[in-house]
Amino acid sequence: MAQFVLYQRDYCHLCDQALAVLAQARLPEFDSVWVDDSHELEDRYGTRVPVLRDVRDGRELDWPFDETAVRDFIEHA
């Protein structure tokens, strides 16, 4: 299991932008989870996606984020 999870939705242009930012920041391996597949996740993340979560400590980085914010987020992991 990866340390980071990106919560996203199908057909989400912001999620596509977030994926590009994660690539620029050279985020290590991460898992993608689609909130559309779960009522619980839909309730928690439905209006917030994309959200990057550190699985180990539960910290979350809400959109909008940029390359610098992602690097700071992963450095403090």
Protein backbone atom coordinates (compact mmCIF):
# COMPACT_ATOMS: atom_id res chain seq x y z
CA MET A 1 0.00 0.00 0.00
CA ALA A 2 1.28 3.45 -0.91
CA GLN A 3 1.85 6.15 1.69
CA PHE A 4 -0.28 8.67 -0.19
CA VAL A 5 -3.79 8.53 -1.62
CA LEU A 6 -5.37 10.95 -4.06
CA TYR A 7 -9.14 11.08 -3.63
CA GLN A 8 -10.76 12.06 -6.90
CA ARG A 9 -13.84 11.78 -9.09
CA ASP A 10 -14.43 10.46 -12.57
CA TYR A 11 -14.41 13.12 -15.28
CA CYS A 12 -13.00 15.77 -12.92
CA HIS A 13 -10.89 18.42 -14.63
CA LEU A 14 -9.50 19.58 -11.26
CA CYS A 15 -8.41 16.02 -10.57
CA ASP A 16 -6.60 15.95 -13.91
CA GLN A 17 -4.84 19.17 -12.93
CA ALA A 18 -3.94 17.69 -9.54
CA LEU A 19 -2.38 14.65 -11.24
CA ALA A 20 -0.20 16.98 -13.31
CA VAL A 21 0.90 18.84 -10.16
CA LEU A 22 1.74 15.55 -8.42
CA ALA A 23 3.89 14.59 -11.41
CA GLN A 24 5.68 17.96 -11.32
CA ALA A 25 6.34 17.52 -7.59
CA ARG A 26 7.63 13.99 -8.23
CA LEU A 27 5.34 12.52 -5.62
CA PRO A 28 6.42 8.98 -4.79
CA GLU A 29 4.02 6.17 -5.55
CA PHE A 30 0.42 6.91 -4.58
CA ASP A 31 -2.96 5.25 -4.88
CA SER A 32 -5.99 6.81 -6.53
CA VAL A 33 -9.39 6.36 -4.92
CA TRP A 34 -12.58 7.42 -6.67
CA VAL A 35 -15.10 8.84 -4.22
CA ASP A 36 -17.95 8.07 -6.63
CA ASP A 37 -17.62 4.40 -5.66
CA SER A 38 -18.57 4.87 -1.99
CA HIS A 39 -21.36 6.73 -0.19
CA GLU A 40 -19.06 7.25 2.81
CA LEU A 41 -16.28 8.74 0.67
CA GLU A 42 -18.81 10.77 -1.31
CA ASP A 43 -20.08 12.31 1.94
CA ARG A 44 -16.56 13.04 3.18
CA TYR A 45 -14.83 14.19 0.00
CA GLY A 46 -17.57 14.91 -2.53
CA THR A 47 -17.19 18.69 -2.59
CA ARG A 48 -13.49 18.72 -1.65
CA VAL A 49 -11.85 16.63 -4.36
CA PRO A 50 -9.12 16.35 -5.27
CA VAL A 51 -7.61 15.67 -1.85
CA LEU A 52 -4.16 14.24 -1.18
CA ARG A 53 -3.97 12.19 2.03
CA ASP A 54 -1.01 10.83 3.95
CA VAL A 55 -2.20 7.39 5.03
CA ARG A 56 0.27 7.11 7.91
CA ASP A 57 -0.77 10.19 9.88
CA GLY A 58 -4.10 11.17 8.30
CA ARG A 59 -3.00 14.64 7.15
CA GLU A 60 -4.84 15.94 4.10
CA LEU A 61 -4.00 18.52 1.48
CA ASP A 62 -7.08 19.99 -0.18
CA TRP A 63 -7.20 21.44 -3.66
CA PRO A 64 -6.02 23.87 -4.84
CA PHE A 65 -2.39 22.92 -4.31
CA ASP A 66 0.74 23.54 -6.32
CA GLU A 67 4.09 21.82 -6.70
CA THR A 68 5.58 23.67 -3.71
CA ALA A 69 2.67 22.78 -1.44
CA VAL A 70 2.92 19.11 -2.42
CA ARG A 71 6.66 19.03 -1.80
CA ASP A 72 6.18 20.65 1.62
CA PHE A 73 3.42 18.14 2.37
CA ILE A 74 5.55 15.09 1.53
CA GLU A 75 8.65 16.45 3.27
CA HIS A 76 6.73 16.72 6.53
CA ALA A 77 5.52 13.15 6.27
